[in-house]
Amino acid sequence: MAVFKNNGQLYGIQNICPHEGGQLCNGWIEGGEVVCPLHRYKFDLKTGACSTDPKLKVRVFKLVAQGDQFLLEG
């Protein structure tokens, strides 16, 4: 899992890009999407949908604040 902070909100998504296996944790955020560092495939932080290739998607994890820590829900 890779965790990103965007506009004060934390997002947890699958770390491995389904395109060619790049590590999304090494990517960057552009307009609410994480950009894979290998081939620049873009994945929405909220839905996991890929705007570069609509057939691809990453798993999204819900993070819940519990004090100064975060837990995975569901």
Protein backbone atom coordinates (compact mmCIF):
# COMPACT_ATOMS: atom_id res chain seq x y z
CA MET A 1 0.00 0.00 0.00
CA ALA A 2 1.12 3.54 -0.76
CA VAL A 3 -0.15 6.50 1.26
CA PHE A 4 -0.44 10.00 -0.19
CA LYS A 5 -1.53 13.30 1.29
CA ASN A 6 -3.44 15.58 -1.05
CA ASN A 7 -5.15 18.79 0.07
CA GLY A 8 -4.88 17.73 3.71
CA GLN A 9 -6.51 14.33 3.10
CA LEU A 10 -4.73 10.97 3.34
CA TYR A 11 -5.32 8.32 0.67
CA GLY A 12 -4.23 4.70 0.64
CA ILE A 13 -3.92 2.87 -2.67
CA GLN A 14 -2.34 -0.29 -4.03
CA ASN A 15 1.39 0.37 -4.39
CA ILE A 16 2.05 -1.68 -7.54
CA CYS A 17 0.98 -0.17 -10.86
CA PRO A 18 -1.12 -2.69 -12.84
CA HIS A 19 0.45 -1.52 -16.10
CA GLU A 20 4.08 -2.64 -15.66
CA GLY A 21 4.59 -3.06 -11.91
CA GLY A 22 6.04 0.34 -11.03
CA GLN A 23 5.97 1.41 -7.39
CA LEU A 24 3.37 4.13 -7.08
CA CYS A 25 4.88 5.25 -3.75
CA ASN A 26 7.71 6.73 -5.85
CA GLY A 27 5.25 8.68 -7.99
CA TRP A 28 3.83 12.16 -7.54
CA ILE A 29 0.40 13.79 -7.40
CA GLU A 30 -1.13 15.79 -10.24
CA GLY A 31 -4.72 16.99 -9.99
CA GLY A 32 -5.90 14.36 -7.51
CA GLU A 33 -4.15 11.50 -9.32
CA VAL A 34 -0.92 9.69 -8.53
CA VAL A 35 1.43 9.43 -11.50
CA CYS A 36 3.41 6.20 -11.89
CA PRO A 37 7.13 6.99 -12.18
CA LEU A 38 7.75 4.34 -14.86
CA HIS A 39 5.37 5.28 -17.69
CA ARG A 40 3.31 8.13 -16.22
CA TYR A 41 0.05 6.21 -15.93
CA LYS A 42 -2.34 8.20 -13.71
CA PHE A 43 -4.62 6.78 -10.99
CA ASP A 44 -7.36 8.65 -9.13
CA LEU A 45 -6.63 8.73 -5.38
CA LYS A 46 -10.35 8.43 -4.47
CA THR A 47 -11.54 5.77 -6.92
CA GLY A 48 -8.39 4.03 -8.17
CA ALA A 49 -9.53 4.54 -11.78
CA CYS A 50 -6.82 5.01 -14.39
CA SER A 51 -7.30 8.05 -16.64
CA THR A 52 -4.50 6.85 -18.94
CA ASP A 53 -6.04 3.43 -19.63
CA PRO A 54 -9.68 2.96 -18.50
CA LYS A 55 -9.20 -0.83 -18.36
CA LEU A 56 -6.79 -0.46 -15.42
CA LYS A 57 -7.57 0.28 -11.79
CA VAL A 58 -5.76 0.14 -8.45
CA ARG A 59 -7.27 -0.93 -5.17
CA VAL A 60 -8.21 1.90 -2.81
CA PHE A 61 -7.98 1.55 0.98
CA LYS A 62 -10.02 3.61 3.43
CA LEU A 63 -7.88 5.18 6.14
CA VAL A 64 -9.58 6.09 9.42
CA ALA A 65 -8.02 8.47 11.94
CA GLN A 66 -7.69 7.04 15.43
CA GLY A 67 -5.93 9.56 17.62
CA ASP A 68 -2.58 10.35 16.01
CA GLN A 69 -2.61 7.10 14.02
CA PHE A 70 -4.52 5.77 11.03
CA LEU A 71 -6.15 2.38 10.63
CA LEU A 72 -7.28 0.55 7.51
CA GLU A 73 -11.02 0.04 7.39
CA GLY A 74 -12.77 -2.87 5.75
